[in-house]
PDB file of N, CA and C in Angstrom:
ATOM      1  N   UNK A   1      39.970 120.610 -27.224  1.00  0.00           N
ATOM      2  CA  UNK A   1      39.704 120.977 -25.850  1.00  0.00           C
ATOM      3  C   UNK A   1      38.213 121.299 -25.726  1.00  0.00           C
ATOM      4  N   UNK A   2      37.547 120.698 -24.753  1.00  0.00           N
ATOM      5  CA  UNK A   2      36.116 120.954 -24.576  1.00  0.00           C
ATOM      6  C   UNK A   2      35.917 122.099 -23.602  1.00  0.00           C
ATOM      7  N   UNK A   3      34.906 122.902 -23.863  1.00  0.00           N
ATOM      8  CA  UNK A   3      34.581 124.041 -23.004  1.00  0.00           C
ATOM      9  C   UNK A   3      33.410 123.649 -22.111  1.00  0.00           C
ATOM     10  N   UNK A   4      33.593 123.754 -20.796  1.00  0.00           N
ATOM     11  CA  UNK A   4      32.522 123.441 -19.860  1.00  0.00           C
ATOM     12  C   UNK A   4      31.666 124.689 -19.676  1.00  0.00           C
ATOM     13  N   UNK A   5      30.365 124.539 -19.839  1.00  0.00           N
ATOM     14  CA  UNK A   5      29.456 125.657 -19.641  1.00  0.00           C
ATOM     15  C   UNK A   5      29.178 125.814 -18.153  1.00  0.00           C
ATOM     16  N   UNK A   6      29.257 127.054 -17.656  1.00  0.00           N
ATOM     17  CA  UNK A   6      29.028 127.344 -16.244  1.00  0.00           C
ATOM     18  C   UNK A   6      27.666 128.009 -16.101  1.00  0.00           C
ATOM     19  N   UNK A   7      26.870 127.518 -15.159  1.00  0.00           N
ATOM     20  CA  UNK A   7      25.571 128.132 -14.877  1.00  0.00           C
ATOM     21  C   UNK A   7      25.771 129.436 -14.123  1.00  0.00           C
ATOM     22  N   UNK A   8      24.972 130.427 -14.457  1.00  0.00           N
ATOM     23  CA  UNK A   8      24.985 131.707 -13.740  1.00  0.00           C
ATOM     24  C   UNK A   8      23.594 131.879 -13.138  1.00  0.00           C
ATOM     25  N   UNK A   9      23.474 131.608 -11.847  1.00  0.00           N
ATOM     26  CA  UNK A   9      22.180 131.640 -11.170  1.00  0.00           C
ATOM     27  C   UNK A   9      22.116 132.761 -10.135  1.00  0.00           C
ATOM     28  N   UNK A  10      22.822 133.862 -10.408  1.00  0.00           N
ATOM     29  CA  UNK A  10      22.811 134.986  -9.475  1.00  0.00           C
ATOM     30  C   UNK A  10      21.416 135.577  -9.353  1.00  0.00           C
ATOM     31  N   UNK A  11      21.109 136.074  -8.156  1.00  0.00           N
ATOM     32  CA  UNK A  11      19.823 136.712  -7.913  1.00  0.00           C
ATOM     33  C   UNK A  11      19.384 136.508  -6.480  1.00  0.00           C
ATOM     34  N   UNK A  12      18.942 135.307  -6.165  1.00  0.00           N
ATOM     35  CA  UNK A  12      18.521 134.982  -4.800  1.00  0.00           C
ATOM     36  C   UNK A  12      19.731 134.487  -4.004  1.00  0.00           C
ATOM     37  N   UNK A  13      19.971 135.058  -2.818  1.00  0.00           N
ATOM     38  CA  UNK A  13      21.085 134.578  -1.988  1.00  0.00           C
ATOM     39  C   UNK A  13      20.910 133.098  -1.646  1.00  0.00           C
ATOM     40  N   UNK A  14      22.017 132.340  -1.671  1.00  0.00           N
ATOM     41  CA  UNK A  14      21.919 130.910  -1.426  1.00  0.00           C
ATOM     42  C   UNK A  14      23.071 130.400  -0.569  1.00  0.00           C
ATOM     43  N   UNK A  15      22.785 129.380   0.232  1.00  0.00           N
ATOM     44  CA  UNK A  15      23.782 128.721   1.060  1.00  0.00           C
ATOM     45  C   UNK A  15      24.271 127.424   0.428  1.00  0.00           C
ATOM     46  N   UNK A  16      23.565 126.920  -0.580  1.00  0.00           N
ATOM     47  CA  UNK A  16      23.920 125.652  -1.216  1.00  0.00           C
ATOM     48  C   UNK A  16      23.725 125.757  -2.720  1.00  0.00           C
ATOM     49  N   UNK A  17      24.597 125.096  -3.454  1.00  0.00           N
ATOM     50  CA  UNK A  17      24.507 125.076  -4.911  1.00  0.00           C
ATOM     51  C   UNK A  17      23.442 124.067  -5.357  1.00  0.00           C
ATOM     52  N   UNK A  18      23.021 124.180  -6.598  1.00  0.00           N
ATOM     53  CA  UNK A  18      22.049 123.225  -7.146  1.00  0.00           C
ATOM     54  C   UNK A  18      22.613 121.812  -7.205  1.00  0.00           C
ATOM     55  N   UNK A  19      23.943 121.676  -7.188  1.00  0.00           N
ATOM     56  CA  UNK A  19      24.557 120.344  -7.201  1.00  0.00           C
ATOM     57  C   UNK A  19      24.631 119.753  -5.792  1.00  0.00           C
ATOM     58  N   UNK A  20      24.271 120.547  -4.773  1.00  0.00           N
ATOM     59  CA  UNK A  20      24.294 120.074  -3.394  1.00  0.00           C
ATOM     60  C   UNK A  20      25.529 120.502  -2.605  1.00  0.00           C
ATOM     61  N   UNK A  21      26.512 121.074  -3.279  1.00  0.00           N
ATOM     62  CA  UNK A  21      27.742 121.497  -2.618  1.00  0.00           C
ATOM     63  C   UNK A  21      27.483 122.705  -1.709  1.00  0.00           C
ATOM     64  N   UNK A  22      28.155 122.739  -0.569  1.00  0.00           N
ATOM     65  CA  UNK A  22      28.013 123.833   0.388  1.00  0.00           C
ATOM     66  C   UNK A  22      29.246 124.729   0.446  1.00  0.00           C
ATOM     67  N   UNK A  23      30.231 124.481  -0.424  1.00  0.00           N
ATOM     68  CA  UNK A  23      31.467 125.270  -0.416  1.00  0.00           C
ATOM     69  C   UNK A  23      31.549 126.138  -1.662  1.00  0.00           C
ATOM     70  N   UNK A  24      31.976 127.397  -1.458  1.00  0.00           N
ATOM     71  CA  UNK A  24      32.059 128.363  -2.542  1.00  0.00           C
ATOM     72  C   UNK A  24      33.384 129.108  -2.503  1.00  0.00           C
ATOM     73  N   UNK A  25      33.806 129.595  -3.645  1.00  0.00           N
ATOM     74  CA  UNK A  25      34.951 130.503  -3.745  1.00  0.00           C
ATOM     75  C   UNK A  25      34.380 131.918  -3.837  1.00  0.00           C
ATOM     76  N   UNK A  26      34.902 132.818  -2.997  1.00  0.00           N
ATOM     77  CA  UNK A  26      34.472 134.215  -3.050  1.00  0.00           C
ATOM     78  C   UNK A  26      35.698 135.116  -2.992  1.00  0.00           C
ATOM     79  N   UNK A  27      35.541 136.355  -3.428  1.00  0.00           N
ATOM     80  CA  UNK A  27      36.596 137.349  -3.348  1.00  0.00           C
ATOM     81  C   UNK A  27      36.357 138.183  -2.101  1.00  0.00           C
ATOM     82  N   UNK A  28      37.386 138.296  -1.259  1.00  0.00           N
ATOM     83  CA  UNK A  28      37.258 139.059  -0.020  1.00  0.00           C
ATOM     84  C   UNK A  28      38.364 140.098   0.089  1.00  0.00           C
ATOM     85  N   UNK A  29      38.114 141.127   0.924  1.00  0.00           N
ATOM     86  CA  UNK A  29      39.129 142.098   1.283  1.00  0.00           C
ATOM     87  C   UNK A  29      39.262 142.027   2.808  1.00  0.00           C
ATOM     88  N   UNK A  30      40.480 141.909   3.292  1.00  0.00           N
ATOM     89  CA  UNK A  30      40.735 141.761   4.719  1.00  0.00           C
ATOM     90  C   UNK A  30      41.012 143.105   5.366  1.00  0.00           C
ATOM     91  N   UNK A  31      40.537 143.277   6.600  1.00  0.00           N
ATOM     92  CA  UNK A  31      40.872 144.443   7.414  1.00  0.00           C
ATOM     93  C   UNK A  31      42.204 144.128   8.077  1.00  0.00           C
ATOM     94  N   UNK A  32      43.220 144.923   7.809  1.00  0.00           N
ATOM     95  CA  UNK A  32      44.563 144.622   8.298  1.00  0.00           C
ATOM     96  C   UNK A  32      44.693 144.783   9.816  1.00  0.00           C
ATOM     97  N   UNK A  33      43.832 145.581  10.425  1.00  0.00           N
ATOM     98  CA  UNK A  33      43.909 145.766  11.880  1.00  0.00           C
ATOM     99  C   UNK A  33      43.167 144.673  12.646  1.00  0.00           C
ATOM    100  N   UNK A  34      41.945 144.367  12.225  1.00  0.00           N
ATOM    101  CA  UNK A  34      41.141 143.378  12.954  1.00  0.00           C
ATOM    102  C   UNK A  34      41.318 141.960  12.431  1.00  0.00           C
ATOM    103  N   UNK A  35      41.868 141.842  11.217  1.00  0.00           N
ATOM    104  CA  UNK A  35      42.057 140.553  10.550  1.00  0.00           C
ATOM    105  C   UNK A  35      40.726 139.862  10.225  1.00  0.00           C
ATOM    106  N   UNK A  36      39.667 140.652  10.135  1.00  0.00           N
ATOM    107  CA  UNK A  36      38.358 140.131   9.763  1.00  0.00           C
ATOM    108  C   UNK A  36      38.052 140.513   8.318  1.00  0.00           C
ATOM    109  N   UNK A  37      37.068 139.833   7.748  1.00  0.00           N
ATOM    110  CA  UNK A  37      36.639 140.180   6.397  1.00  0.00           C
ATOM    111  C   UNK A  37      36.014 141.577   6.437  1.00  0.00           C
ATOM    112  N   UNK A  38      36.557 142.476   5.631  1.00  0.00           N
ATOM    113  CA  UNK A  38      36.069 143.845   5.589  1.00  0.00           C
ATOM    114  C   UNK A  38      35.039 144.027   4.470  1.00  0.00           C
ATOM    115  N   UNK A  39      35.178 143.271   3.396  1.00  0.00           N
ATOM    116  CA  UNK A  39      34.312 143.374   2.220  1.00  0.00           C
ATOM    117  C   UNK A  39      34.354 142.052   1.487  1.00  0.00           C
ATOM    118  N   UNK A  40      33.219 141.670   0.890  1.00  0.00           N
ATOM    119  CA  UNK A  40      33.248 140.503   0.014  1.00  0.00           C
ATOM    120  C   UNK A  40      32.312 140.709  -1.166  1.00  0.00           C
ATOM    121  N   UNK A  41      32.693 140.118  -2.282  1.00  0.00           N
ATOM    122  CA  UNK A  41      31.902 140.182  -3.511  1.00  0.00           C
ATOM    123  C   UNK A  41      30.726 139.231  -3.349  1.00  0.00           C
ATOM    124  N   UNK A  42      29.557 139.632  -3.784  1.00  0.00           N
ATOM    125  CA  UNK A  42      28.370 138.784  -3.642  1.00  0.00           C
ATOM    126  C   UNK A  42      28.321 137.643  -4.653  1.00  0.00           C
ATOM    127  N   UNK A  43      29.169 137.700  -5.681  1.00  0.00           N
ATOM    128  CA  UNK A  43      29.235 136.585  -6.635  1.00  0.00           C
ATOM    129  C   UNK A  43      30.086 135.483  -6.014  1.00  0.00           C
ATOM    130  N   UNK A  44      29.513 134.293  -5.889  1.00  0.00           N
ATOM    131  CA  UNK A  44      30.255 133.150  -5.340  1.00  0.00           C
ATOM    132  C   UNK A  44      30.231 132.014  -6.356  1.00  0.00           C
ATOM    133  N   UNK A  45      31.335 131.268  -6.408  1.00  0.00           N
ATOM    134  CA  UNK A  45      31.484 130.183  -7.377  1.00  0.00           C
ATOM    135  C   UNK A  45      31.548 128.851  -6.635  1.00  0.00           C
ATOM    136  N   UNK A  46      30.708 127.907  -7.034  1.00  0.00           N
ATOM    137  CA  UNK A  46      30.667 126.587  -6.414  1.00  0.00           C
ATOM    138  C   UNK A  46      32.005 125.860  -6.605  1.00  0.00           C
ATOM    139  N   UNK A  47      32.505 125.256  -5.520  1.00  0.00           N
ATOM    140  CA  UNK A  47      33.769 124.510  -5.578  1.00  0.00           C
ATOM    141  C   UNK A  47      33.643 123.225  -6.389  1.00  0.00           C
ATOM    142  N   UNK A  48      32.435 122.669  -6.510  1.00  0.00           N
ATOM    143  CA  UNK A  48      32.237 121.405  -7.227  1.00  0.00           C
ATOM    144  C   UNK A  48      31.997 121.609  -8.722  1.00  0.00           C
ATOM    145  N   UNK A  49      30.978 122.405  -9.057  1.00  0.00           N
ATOM    146  CA  UNK A  49      30.557 122.482 -10.461  1.00  0.00           C
ATOM    147  C   UNK A  49      30.816 123.829 -11.131  1.00  0.00           C
ATOM    148  N   UNK A  50      31.209 124.847 -10.350  1.00  0.00           N
ATOM    149  CA  UNK A  50      31.522 126.147 -10.939  1.00  0.00           C
ATOM    150  C   UNK A  50      30.341 127.074 -11.122  1.00  0.00           C
ATOM    151  N   UNK A  51      29.137 126.642 -10.731  1.00  0.00           N
ATOM    152  CA  UNK A  51      27.962 127.501 -10.862  1.00  0.00           C
ATOM    153  C   UNK A  51      28.157 128.780 -10.055  1.00  0.00           C
ATOM    154  N   UNK A  52      27.779 129.903 -10.642  1.00  0.00           N
ATOM    155  CA  UNK A  52      27.887 131.200  -9.967  1.00  0.00           C
ATOM    156  C   UNK A  52      26.531 131.537  -9.351  1.00  0.00           C
ATOM    157  N   UNK A  53      26.540 131.850  -8.058  1.00  0.00           N
ATOM    158  CA  UNK A  53      25.320 132.221  -7.348  1.00  0.00           C
ATOM    159  C   UNK A  53      25.586 133.473  -6.524  1.00  0.00           C
ATOM    160  N   UNK A  54      24.574 133.948  -5.817  1.00  0.00           N
ATOM    161  CA  UNK A  54      24.691 135.141  -4.982  1.00  0.00           C
ATOM    162  C   UNK A  54      24.924 134.730  -3.529  1.00  0.00           C
ATOM    163  N   UNK A  55      25.963 135.298  -2.931  1.00  0.00           N
ATOM    164  CA  UNK A  55      26.275 135.006  -1.527  1.00  0.00           C
ATOM    165  C   UNK A  55      25.237 135.652  -0.609  1.00  0.00           C
ATOM    166  N   UNK A  56      24.895 134.977   0.480  1.00  0.00           N
ATOM    167  CA  UNK A  56      23.976 135.571   1.446  1.00  0.00           C
ATOM    168  C   UNK A  56      24.681 136.651   2.277  1.00  0.00           C
ATOM    169  N   UNK A  57      23.891 137.579   2.797  1.00  0.00           N
ATOM    170  CA  UNK A  57      24.407 138.658   3.645  1.00  0.00           C
ATOM    171  C   UNK A  57      23.591 138.715   4.932  1.00  0.00           C
ATOM    172  N   UNK A  58      24.087 139.388   5.962  1.00  0.00           N
ATOM    173  CA  UNK A  58      23.298 139.549   7.182  1.00  0.00           C
ATOM    174  C   UNK A  58      21.943 140.209   6.924  1.00  0.00           C
ATOM    175  N   UNK A  59      21.881 141.113   5.955  1.00  0.00           N
ATOM    176  CA  UNK A  59      20.622 141.782   5.633  1.00  0.00           C
ATOM    177  C   UNK A  59      19.573 140.777   5.136  1.00  0.00           C
ATOM    178  N   UNK A  60      20.012 139.767   4.383  1.00  0.00           N
ATOM    179  CA  UNK A  60      19.076 138.735   3.894  1.00  0.00           C
ATOM    180  C   UNK A  60      18.474 137.971   5.053  1.00  0.00           C
ATOM    181  N   UNK A  61      19.266 137.707   6.075  1.00  0.00           N
ATOM    182  CA  UNK A  61      18.797 136.975   7.249  1.00  0.00           C
ATOM    183  C   UNK A  61      17.745 137.791   7.992  1.00  0.00           C
ATOM    184  N   UNK A  62      17.954 139.090   8.144  1.00  0.00           N
ATOM    185  CA  UNK A  62      16.976 139.956   8.823  1.00  0.00           C
ATOM    186  C   UNK A  62      15.663 140.027   8.062  1.00  0.00           C
ATOM    187  N   UNK A  63      15.736 139.958   6.729  1.00  0.00           N
ATOM    188  CA  UNK A  63      14.518 140.003   5.914  1.00  0.00           C
ATOM    189  C   UNK A  63      13.647 138.771   6.100  1.00  0.00           C
ATOM    190  N   UNK A  64      14.219 137.681   6.604  1.00  0.00           N
ATOM    191  CA  UNK A  64      13.463 136.434   6.795  1.00  0.00           C
ATOM    192  C   UNK A  64      12.747 136.363   8.130  1.00  0.00           C
ATOM    193  N   UNK A  65      13.015 137.286   9.013  1.00  0.00           N
ATOM    194  CA  UNK A  65      12.381 137.242  10.338  1.00  0.00           C
ATOM    195  C   UNK A  65      10.955 137.718  10.283  1.00  0.00           C
TER     196      UNK A  65
END
């Protein structure tokens, strides 16, 4: 059985993986009253290649203005 090495590129928030994929798996906690995301882990895993990166947050967007 071969072991696939996964890149860990956490640090800078990103919207796209180095492989070009725009979809990620993240861990979330739901608010049972509003049915909105109440909390999410900043570690996100690329759906294509498995690379781990940092999820963007609203605070990151404000820092770019």
